[in-house]
């Protein structure tokens, strides 16, 4: 199946290291919340939310990548899920304050 929107949420967990990991800070909770809110939104889009391994920018986590745009959001909290869905997914306007700055 081809999806209109594909959301990857880092759920990587490291042990025995000082490096941060998204899974330890609530990656799985974000996966569940995105799935719940998208299901309840009745969008006319084919969306997919996937757990992801490390996206390579751990110090900014929790990290989310949204395709086909290839946009990365960092420092995402559970309270940000609705804003990302409303602004980015529905209205096609990225949430500037959460964007990964190059």
C-alpha atoms as a PDB file:
ATOM      1  CA  UNK A   1       0.000   0.000   0.000  1.00  0.00           C
ATOM      2  CA  UNK A   2       1.174   3.498  -0.779  1.00  0.00           C
ATOM      3  CA  UNK A   3       0.616   6.077   1.944  1.00  0.00           C
ATOM      4  CA  UNK A   4      -0.038   9.797   1.553  1.00  0.00           C
ATOM      5  CA  UNK A   5       1.720  10.505   4.857  1.00  0.00           C
ATOM      6  CA  UNK A   6       4.263   8.291   6.591  1.00  0.00           C
ATOM      7  CA  UNK A   7       5.330   9.238  10.118  1.00  0.00           C
ATOM      8  CA  UNK A   8       8.426   7.669  11.653  1.00  0.00           C
ATOM      9  CA  UNK A   9       8.874   8.078  15.409  1.00  0.00           C
ATOM     10  CA  UNK A  10      12.176   7.158  16.993  1.00  0.00           C
ATOM     11  CA  UNK A  11      11.718   4.591  19.750  1.00  0.00           C
ATOM     12  CA  UNK A  12      15.397   3.655  20.021  1.00  0.00           C
ATOM     13  CA  UNK A  13      16.612   2.824  23.518  1.00  0.00           C
ATOM     14  CA  UNK A  14      20.256   2.685  24.520  1.00  0.00           C
ATOM     15  CA  UNK A  15      21.610   1.204  27.683  1.00  0.00           C
ATOM     16  CA  UNK A  16      24.968   1.747  29.294  1.00  0.00           C
ATOM     17  CA  UNK A  17      25.701   5.050  27.603  1.00  0.00           C
ATOM     18  CA  UNK A  18      25.382   8.712  28.453  1.00  0.00           C
ATOM     19  CA  UNK A  19      23.928   9.509  25.024  1.00  0.00           C
ATOM     20  CA  UNK A  20      20.220  10.333  25.052  1.00  0.00           C
ATOM     21  CA  UNK A  21      17.713   8.168  23.235  1.00  0.00           C
ATOM     22  CA  UNK A  22      14.178   9.004  22.127  1.00  0.00           C
ATOM     23  CA  UNK A  23      12.626   5.770  23.367  1.00  0.00           C
ATOM     24  CA  UNK A  24      13.596   6.527  26.929  1.00  0.00           C
ATOM     25  CA  UNK A  25      11.886   9.901  26.842  1.00  0.00           C
ATOM     26  CA  UNK A  26       8.498   8.718  25.481  1.00  0.00           C
ATOM     27  CA  UNK A  27       8.880   7.510  21.898  1.00  0.00           C
ATOM     28  CA  UNK A  28       6.338   4.699  22.326  1.00  0.00           C
ATOM     29  CA  UNK A  29       3.851   7.083  23.935  1.00  0.00           C
ATOM     30  CA  UNK A  30       4.166   9.371  20.896  1.00  0.00           C
ATOM     31  CA  UNK A  31       3.522   6.435  18.541  1.00  0.00           C
ATOM     32  CA  UNK A  32       0.340   5.534  20.414  1.00  0.00           C
ATOM     33  CA  UNK A  33      -0.879   9.152  20.542  1.00  0.00           C
ATOM     34  CA  UNK A  34      -0.288   9.773  16.823  1.00  0.00           C
ATOM     35  CA  UNK A  35      -2.154   6.557  15.957  1.00  0.00           C
ATOM     36  CA  UNK A  36      -5.059   7.432  18.251  1.00  0.00           C
ATOM     37  CA  UNK A  37      -5.445  11.016  17.062  1.00  0.00           C
ATOM     38  CA  UNK A  38      -5.110  10.140  13.366  1.00  0.00           C
ATOM     39  CA  UNK A  39      -7.690   7.373  13.703  1.00  0.00           C
ATOM     40  CA  UNK A  40     -10.095   9.745  15.449  1.00  0.00           C
ATOM     41  CA  UNK A  41      -9.554  12.543  12.909  1.00  0.00           C
ATOM     42  CA  UNK A  42     -11.250  10.699  10.010  1.00  0.00           C
ATOM     43  CA  UNK A  43      -8.825  12.213   7.504  1.00  0.00           C
ATOM     44  CA  UNK A  44      -9.290  11.376   3.875  1.00  0.00           C
ATOM     45  CA  UNK A  45      -5.598  10.444   3.693  1.00  0.00           C
ATOM     46  CA  UNK A  46      -3.784   7.130   3.894  1.00  0.00           C
ATOM     47  CA  UNK A  47      -1.501   7.591   6.878  1.00  0.00           C
ATOM     48  CA  UNK A  48       0.963   5.266   8.529  1.00  0.00           C
ATOM     49  CA  UNK A  49       2.692   5.708  11.891  1.00  0.00           C
ATOM     50  CA  UNK A  50       5.768   3.561  12.439  1.00  0.00           C
ATOM     51  CA  UNK A  51       8.214   3.006  15.245  1.00  0.00           C
ATOM     52  CA  UNK A  52      11.691   3.784  14.020  1.00  0.00           C
ATOM     53  CA  UNK A  53      15.181   2.977  15.082  1.00  0.00           C
ATOM     54  CA  UNK A  54      17.678   5.756  15.630  1.00  0.00           C
ATOM     55  CA  UNK A  55      17.239   8.689  13.243  1.00  0.00           C
ATOM     56  CA  UNK A  56      20.750   9.936  14.032  1.00  0.00           C
ATOM     57  CA  UNK A  57      19.959  13.166  15.878  1.00  0.00           C
ATOM     58  CA  UNK A  58      19.620  11.845  19.424  1.00  0.00           C
ATOM     59  CA  UNK A  59      20.620  15.030  21.225  1.00  0.00           C
ATOM     60  CA  UNK A  60      17.481  16.729  19.907  1.00  0.00           C
ATOM     61  CA  UNK A  61      15.000  13.931  20.640  1.00  0.00           C
ATOM     62  CA  UNK A  62      12.322  12.781  20.740  1.00  0.00           C
ATOM     63  CA  UNK A  63      12.534  12.894  16.976  1.00  0.00           C
ATOM     64  CA  UNK A  64       9.854  12.409  14.300  1.00  0.00           C
ATOM     65  CA  UNK A  65      10.312  12.260  10.515  1.00  0.00           C
ATOM     66  CA  UNK A  66       7.358  12.889   8.207  1.00  0.00           C
ATOM     67  CA  UNK A  67       7.365  11.806   4.579  1.00  0.00           C
ATOM     68  CA  UNK A  68       7.009  12.428   1.694  1.00  0.00           C
ATOM     69  CA  UNK A  69       8.280  15.897   2.721  1.00  0.00           C
ATOM     70  CA  UNK A  70      11.268  14.587   4.678  1.00  0.00           C
ATOM     71  CA  UNK A  71      10.612  16.978   7.545  1.00  0.00           C
ATOM     72  CA  UNK A  72      12.178  16.256  10.920  1.00  0.00           C
ATOM     73  CA  UNK A  73      10.642  17.442  14.173  1.00  0.00           C
ATOM     74  CA  UNK A  74      12.723  17.393  17.353  1.00  0.00           C
ATOM     75  CA  UNK A  75      12.012  17.770  21.043  1.00  0.00           C
ATOM     76  CA  UNK A  76       8.475  16.546  20.439  1.00  0.00           C
ATOM     77  CA  UNK A  77       6.202  16.102  23.460  1.00  0.00           C
ATOM     78  CA  UNK A  78       2.819  14.420  23.738  1.00  0.00           C
ATOM     79  CA  UNK A  79       1.219  17.896  23.834  1.00  0.00           C
ATOM     80  CA  UNK A  80       2.647  18.630  20.358  1.00  0.00           C
ATOM     81  CA  UNK A  81       0.921  15.749  18.560  1.00  0.00           C
ATOM     82  CA  UNK A  82      -2.365  17.555  17.924  1.00  0.00           C
ATOM     83  CA  UNK A  83      -0.558  20.660  16.643  1.00  0.00           C
ATOM     84  CA  UNK A  84       1.549  18.578  14.233  1.00  0.00           C
ATOM     85  CA  UNK A  85      -1.544  16.800  12.915  1.00  0.00           C
ATOM     86  CA  UNK A  86      -3.607  19.982  12.574  1.00  0.00           C
ATOM     87  CA  UNK A  87      -0.891  22.210  11.157  1.00  0.00           C
ATOM     88  CA  UNK A  88       1.322  19.852   9.151  1.00  0.00           C
ATOM     89  CA  UNK A  89      -0.828  16.871   8.179  1.00  0.00           C
ATOM     90  CA  UNK A  90      -4.146  18.657   7.612  1.00  0.00           C
ATOM     91  CA  UNK A  91      -3.105  22.203   6.647  1.00  0.00           C
ATOM     92  CA  UNK A  92       0.317  21.412   5.083  1.00  0.00           C
ATOM     93  CA  UNK A  93       2.060  24.023   7.253  1.00  0.00           C
ATOM     94  CA  UNK A  94       5.073  22.707   9.216  1.00  0.00           C
ATOM     95  CA  UNK A  95       5.280  23.518  12.921  1.00  0.00           C
ATOM     96  CA  UNK A  96       8.250  25.909  12.831  1.00  0.00           C
ATOM     97  CA  UNK A  97       9.141  25.774  16.524  1.00  0.00           C
ATOM     98  CA  UNK A  98       9.712  21.990  16.360  1.00  0.00           C
ATOM     99  CA  UNK A  99      11.647  21.804  13.088  1.00  0.00           C
ATOM    100  CA  UNK A 100      15.173  20.474  13.062  1.00  0.00           C
ATOM    101  CA  UNK A 101      17.363  23.495  12.335  1.00  0.00           C
ATOM    102  CA  UNK A 102      20.152  22.708   9.857  1.00  0.00           C
END
